[in-house]
Amino acid sequence: MDNIDQAKRVLEDNTNVLYGIFGIISGSGYFPPLPFLNEFFLAGSDPCDQDGRMGRWRRFALTLSEYDVVKAWWIENNPNTIESQLGCDCWNDWVQEILEQ
């Protein structure tokens, strides 16, 4: 499975799993910038999924061109979404911003 397909599968599965962070992100109107999204993918699991309902995935990182494809796919499925750093420096801070909205 290539990185684009892997990213789409992880994001889709995480959106649908109870307590998956992308379930919350999907309704936020925001999408993380590449470095933040790669932090998530490189973790190999979602720390918000404390019950492990989704399980782990193979750790990976997207290139800029792969990210552009994944972001376009996400926005197509979540209209009116924009990429934003939300004034944050890392994935954990970005997620906290999303959760506090």
N, C-alpha and C. Protein backbone atom coordinates (compact mmCIF):
# COMPACT_ATOMS: atom_id res chain seq x y z
N MET A 1 0.86 -1.17 0.00
CA MET A 1 0.00 0.00 0.00
C MET A 1 0.90 1.24 0.00
N ASP A 2 0.63 2.18 -0.89
CA ASP A 2 1.46 3.38 -0.92
C ASP A 2 1.01 4.36 0.17
N ASN A 3 1.80 5.39 0.38
CA ASN A 3 1.54 6.34 1.47
C ASN A 3 0.21 7.06 1.31
N ILE A 4 -0.17 7.39 0.09
CA ILE A 4 -1.45 8.08 -0.12
C ILE A 4 -2.61 7.19 0.30
N ASP A 5 -2.61 5.96 -0.18
CA ASP A 5 -3.68 5.03 0.20
C ASP A 5 -3.67 4.75 1.70
N GLN A 6 -2.48 4.61 2.26
CA GLN A 6 -2.36 4.37 3.70
C GLN A 6 -2.92 5.56 4.49
N ALA A 7 -2.57 6.77 4.07
CA ALA A 7 -3.06 7.97 4.76
C ALA A 7 -4.59 8.05 4.69
N LYS A 8 -5.14 7.82 3.53
CA LYS A 8 -6.60 7.87 3.38
C LYS A 8 -7.27 6.83 4.27
N ARG A 9 -6.70 5.63 4.31
CA ARG A 9 -7.29 4.57 5.11
C ARG A 9 -7.23 4.92 6.60
N VAL A 10 -6.06 5.40 7.06
CA VAL A 10 -5.92 5.77 8.47
C VAL A 10 -6.89 6.89 8.83
N LEU A 11 -6.97 7.92 7.99
CA LEU A 11 -7.86 9.05 8.29
C LEU A 11 -9.32 8.62 8.27
N GLU A 12 -9.70 7.82 7.30
CA GLU A 12 -11.09 7.36 7.22
C GLU A 12 -11.43 6.46 8.41
N ASP A 13 -10.57 5.51 8.70
CA ASP A 13 -10.82 4.62 9.85
C ASP A 13 -10.86 5.42 11.15
N ASN A 14 -9.95 6.37 11.30
CA ASN A 14 -9.89 7.16 12.52
C ASN A 14 -11.11 8.06 12.66
N THR A 15 -11.64 8.55 11.55
CA THR A 15 -12.84 9.37 11.59
C THR A 15 -14.02 8.56 12.10
N ASN A 16 -14.05 7.29 11.75
CA ASN A 16 -15.20 6.45 12.07
C ASN A 16 -15.11 5.71 13.40
N VAL A 17 -13.91 5.65 13.99
CA VAL A 17 -13.76 4.94 15.25
C VAL A 17 -14.20 5.85 16.41
N LEU A 18 -14.85 5.27 17.39
CA LEU A 18 -15.26 6.03 18.57
C LEU A 18 -14.04 6.65 19.22
N TYR A 19 -14.07 7.93 19.47
CA TYR A 19 -12.99 8.71 20.10
C TYR A 19 -11.79 8.96 19.20
N GLY A 20 -11.88 8.66 17.91
CA GLY A 20 -10.80 8.99 16.99
C GLY A 20 -10.72 10.49 16.81
N ILE A 21 -9.53 11.06 16.85
CA ILE A 21 -9.37 12.51 16.78
C ILE A 21 -9.86 13.06 15.44
N PHE A 22 -9.75 12.30 14.37
CA PHE A 22 -10.21 12.83 13.09
C PHE A 22 -11.73 12.86 12.97
N GLY A 23 -12.43 12.17 13.85
CA GLY A 23 -13.88 12.35 13.93
C GLY A 23 -14.22 13.76 14.38
N ILE A 24 -13.42 14.29 15.28
CA ILE A 24 -13.60 15.67 15.75
C ILE A 24 -13.07 16.65 14.72
N ILE A 25 -11.92 16.35 14.15
CA ILE A 25 -11.33 17.24 13.14
C ILE A 25 -12.25 17.37 11.94
N SER A 26 -12.93 16.29 11.56
CA SER A 26 -13.80 16.34 10.38
C SER A 26 -14.90 17.38 10.50
N GLY A 27 -15.32 17.70 11.71
CA GLY A 27 -16.36 18.70 11.91
C GLY A 27 -15.82 20.08 12.27
N SER A 28 -14.50 20.21 12.33
CA SER A 28 -13.90 21.47 12.79
C SER A 28 -13.74 22.52 11.70
N GLY A 29 -13.68 22.08 10.44
CA GLY A 29 -13.43 23.01 9.34
C GLY A 29 -11.95 23.25 9.08
N TYR A 30 -11.09 22.50 9.79
CA TYR A 30 -9.64 22.66 9.64
C TYR A 30 -8.99 21.34 9.28
N PHE A 31 -7.83 21.44 8.62
CA PHE A 31 -7.01 20.28 8.30
C PHE A 31 -5.59 20.65 8.69
N PRO A 32 -4.86 19.72 9.32
CA PRO A 32 -3.52 20.06 9.80
C PRO A 32 -2.52 20.25 8.66
N PRO A 33 -1.55 21.12 8.85
CA PRO A 33 -0.47 21.25 7.87
C PRO A 33 0.38 19.97 7.85
N LEU A 34 1.16 19.82 6.81
CA LEU A 34 1.95 18.61 6.59
C LEU A 34 2.80 18.18 7.79
N PRO A 35 3.58 19.06 8.41
CA PRO A 35 4.40 18.58 9.53
C PRO A 35 3.57 18.01 10.68
N PHE A 36 2.42 18.60 10.94
CA PHE A 36 1.56 18.12 12.03
C PHE A 36 0.93 16.78 11.67
N LEU A 37 0.44 16.67 10.43
CA LEU A 37 -0.17 15.41 10.01
C LEU A 37 0.87 14.29 10.04
N ASN A 38 2.09 14.60 9.62
CA ASN A 38 3.14 13.58 9.68
C ASN A 38 3.45 13.17 11.11
N GLU A 39 3.38 14.09 12.06
CA GLU A 39 3.57 13.70 13.46
C GLU A 39 2.54 12.64 13.86
N PHE A 40 1.30 12.84 13.42
CA PHE A 40 0.23 11.88 13.71
C PHE A 40 0.53 10.53 13.06
N PHE A 41 0.87 10.54 11.77
CA PHE A 41 1.14 9.28 11.07
C PHE A 41 2.36 8.56 11.64
N LEU A 42 3.38 9.31 12.04
CA LEU A 42 4.60 8.71 12.58
C LEU A 42 4.41 8.13 13.97
N ALA A 43 3.34 8.53 14.65
CA ALA A 43 3.05 7.97 15.98
C ALA A 43 2.62 6.50 15.89
N GLY A 44 1.96 6.14 14.79
CA GLY A 44 1.53 4.76 14.61
C GLY A 44 0.24 4.39 15.31
N SER A 45 -0.33 5.34 16.04
CA SER A 45 -1.63 5.13 16.69
C SER A 45 -2.15 6.49 17.14
N ASP A 46 -3.44 6.53 17.46
CA ASP A 46 -4.08 7.77 17.89
C ASP A 46 -4.15 7.78 19.42
N PRO A 47 -3.46 8.71 20.08
CA PRO A 47 -3.51 8.74 21.53
C PRO A 47 -4.91 9.06 22.08
N CYS A 48 -5.76 9.64 21.26
CA CYS A 48 -7.13 9.92 21.70
C CYS A 48 -7.96 8.64 21.75
N ASP A 49 -7.57 7.63 21.01
CA ASP A 49 -8.26 6.34 20.98
C ASP A 49 -7.68 5.47 22.10
N GLN A 50 -7.97 5.87 23.34
CA GLN A 50 -7.35 5.22 24.49
C GLN A 50 -7.77 3.77 24.68
N ASP A 51 -8.90 3.38 24.10
CA ASP A 51 -9.33 1.99 24.20
C ASP A 51 -8.72 1.13 23.10
N GLY A 52 -7.98 1.75 22.17
CA GLY A 52 -7.34 0.99 21.10
C GLY A 52 -8.31 0.37 20.12
N ARG A 53 -9.45 1.01 19.92
CA ARG A 53 -10.45 0.46 19.02
C ARG A 53 -9.97 0.41 17.57
N MET A 54 -9.12 1.37 17.21
CA MET A 54 -8.62 1.40 15.84
C MET A 54 -7.38 0.53 15.68
N GLY A 55 -6.63 0.40 16.71
CA GLY A 55 -5.38 -0.35 16.61
C GLY A 55 -4.26 0.53 16.06
N ARG A 56 -3.16 -0.10 15.74
CA ARG A 56 -1.97 0.61 15.27
C ARG A 56 -1.88 0.53 13.75
N TRP A 57 -1.06 1.39 13.17
CA TRP A 57 -0.77 1.35 11.74
C TRP A 57 0.73 1.43 11.54
N ARG A 58 1.15 1.06 10.34
CA ARG A 58 2.56 1.18 9.97
C ARG A 58 2.92 2.66 9.97
N ARG A 59 3.96 3.03 10.68
CA ARG A 59 4.38 4.43 10.74
C ARG A 59 4.90 4.87 9.38
N PHE A 60 4.54 6.08 8.99
CA PHE A 60 4.96 6.61 7.70
C PHE A 60 4.84 8.12 7.72
N ALA A 61 5.40 8.76 6.70
CA ALA A 61 5.30 10.21 6.53
C ALA A 61 4.99 10.50 5.07
N LEU A 62 4.24 11.54 4.84
CA LEU A 62 3.90 11.97 3.49
C LEU A 62 4.91 12.99 2.98
N THR A 63 5.16 12.95 1.68
CA THR A 63 5.90 14.02 1.02
C THR A 63 4.91 15.15 0.75
N LEU A 64 5.40 16.29 0.32
CA LEU A 64 4.51 17.42 0.02
C LEU A 64 3.51 17.06 -1.08
N SER A 65 3.97 16.40 -2.13
CA SER A 65 3.05 16.05 -3.22
C SER A 65 2.01 15.02 -2.75
N GLU A 66 2.41 14.07 -1.92
CA GLU A 66 1.45 13.11 -1.37
C GLU A 66 0.45 13.82 -0.46
N TYR A 67 0.95 14.73 0.35
CA TYR A 67 0.08 15.51 1.24
C TYR A 67 -0.97 16.27 0.45
N ASP A 68 -0.56 16.89 -0.66
CA ASP A 68 -1.51 17.66 -1.47
C ASP A 68 -2.65 16.79 -1.97
N VAL A 69 -2.35 15.55 -2.35
CA VAL A 69 -3.39 14.62 -2.80
C VAL A 69 -4.32 14.26 -1.65
N VAL A 70 -3.75 13.95 -0.50
CA VAL A 70 -4.55 13.57 0.67
C VAL A 70 -5.40 14.75 1.14
N LYS A 71 -4.81 15.94 1.17
CA LYS A 71 -5.56 17.13 1.59
C LYS A 71 -6.73 17.39 0.64
N ALA A 72 -6.51 17.27 -0.67
CA ALA A 72 -7.59 17.48 -1.64
C ALA A 72 -8.71 16.45 -1.43
N TRP A 73 -8.33 15.21 -1.17
CA TRP A 73 -9.32 14.16 -0.90
C TRP A 73 -10.11 14.50 0.36
N TRP A 74 -9.42 14.94 1.42
CA TRP A 74 -10.09 15.28 2.68
C TRP A 74 -11.08 16.43 2.46
N ILE A 75 -10.64 17.46 1.76
CA ILE A 75 -11.50 18.63 1.53
C ILE A 75 -12.70 18.26 0.65
N GLU A 76 -12.49 17.38 -0.31
CA GLU A 76 -13.61 16.91 -1.13
C GLU A 76 -14.67 16.23 -0.27
N ASN A 77 -14.23 15.50 0.74
CA ASN A 77 -15.15 14.79 1.64
C ASN A 77 -15.61 15.63 2.82
N ASN A 78 -14.96 16.75 3.06
CA ASN A 78 -15.29 17.65 4.16
C ASN A 78 -15.28 19.08 3.63
N PRO A 79 -16.31 19.44 2.85
CA PRO A 79 -16.34 20.77 2.22
C PRO A 79 -16.18 21.90 3.24
N ASN A 80 -15.67 23.01 2.76
CA ASN A 80 -15.43 24.21 3.56
C ASN A 80 -14.33 24.02 4.60
N THR A 81 -13.48 23.03 4.39
CA THR A 81 -12.33 22.81 5.26
C THR A 81 -11.14 23.55 4.71
N ILE A 82 -10.35 24.14 5.59
CA ILE A 82 -9.13 24.81 5.18
C ILE A 82 -7.96 24.25 5.96
N GLU A 83 -6.79 24.31 5.35
CA GLU A 83 -5.57 23.96 6.06
C GLU A 83 -5.17 25.16 6.90
N SER A 84 -4.84 24.93 8.17
CA SER A 84 -4.41 26.02 9.02
C SER A 84 -3.52 25.49 10.13
N GLN A 85 -2.50 26.25 10.43
CA GLN A 85 -1.60 25.93 11.53
C GLN A 85 -2.22 26.31 12.87
N LEU A 86 -3.25 27.16 12.83
CA LEU A 86 -3.97 27.62 14.03
C LEU A 86 -3.02 28.23 15.07
N GLY A 87 -1.92 28.82 14.58
CA GLY A 87 -0.97 29.47 15.47
C GLY A 87 -0.16 28.51 16.34
N CYS A 88 -0.14 27.24 15.97
CA CYS A 88 0.52 26.21 16.78
C CYS A 88 1.86 25.81 16.17
N ASP A 89 2.68 25.17 17.01
CA ASP A 89 4.00 24.72 16.58
C ASP A 89 4.13 23.22 16.43
N CYS A 90 3.12 22.46 16.87
CA CYS A 90 3.23 21.00 16.80
C CYS A 90 1.83 20.38 16.81
N TRP A 91 1.79 19.09 16.50
CA TRP A 91 0.54 18.33 16.44
C TRP A 91 -0.23 18.41 17.75
N ASN A 92 0.42 18.18 18.88
CA ASN A 92 -0.29 18.16 20.16
C ASN A 92 -0.96 19.50 20.46
N ASP A 93 -0.26 20.60 20.20
CA ASP A 93 -0.86 21.93 20.42
C ASP A 93 -2.02 22.16 19.45
N TRP A 94 -1.85 21.71 18.21
CA TRP A 94 -2.88 21.88 17.19
C TRP A 94 -4.15 21.13 17.60
N VAL A 95 -3.98 19.89 18.05
CA VAL A 95 -5.13 19.10 18.50
C VAL A 95 -5.82 19.78 19.67
N GLN A 96 -5.05 20.32 20.59
CA GLN A 96 -5.65 21.01 21.73
C GLN A 96 -6.48 22.21 21.27
N GLU A 97 -6.00 22.93 20.28
CA GLU A 97 -6.78 24.05 19.70
C GLU A 97 -8.09 23.54 19.14
N ILE A 98 -8.05 22.43 18.41
CA ILE A 98 -9.27 21.86 17.82
C ILE A 98 -10.24 21.46 18.92
N LEU A 99 -9.74 20.81 19.96
CA LEU A 99 -10.60 20.35 21.04
C LEU A 99 -11.22 21.50 21.83
N GLU A 100 -10.56 22.64 21.86
CA GLU A 100 -11.07 23.77 22.62
C GLU A 100 -12.05 24.63 21.84
N GLN A 101 -12.28 24.33 20.60
CA GLN A 101 -13.21 25.12 19.78
C GLN A 101 -14.63 24.89 20.20
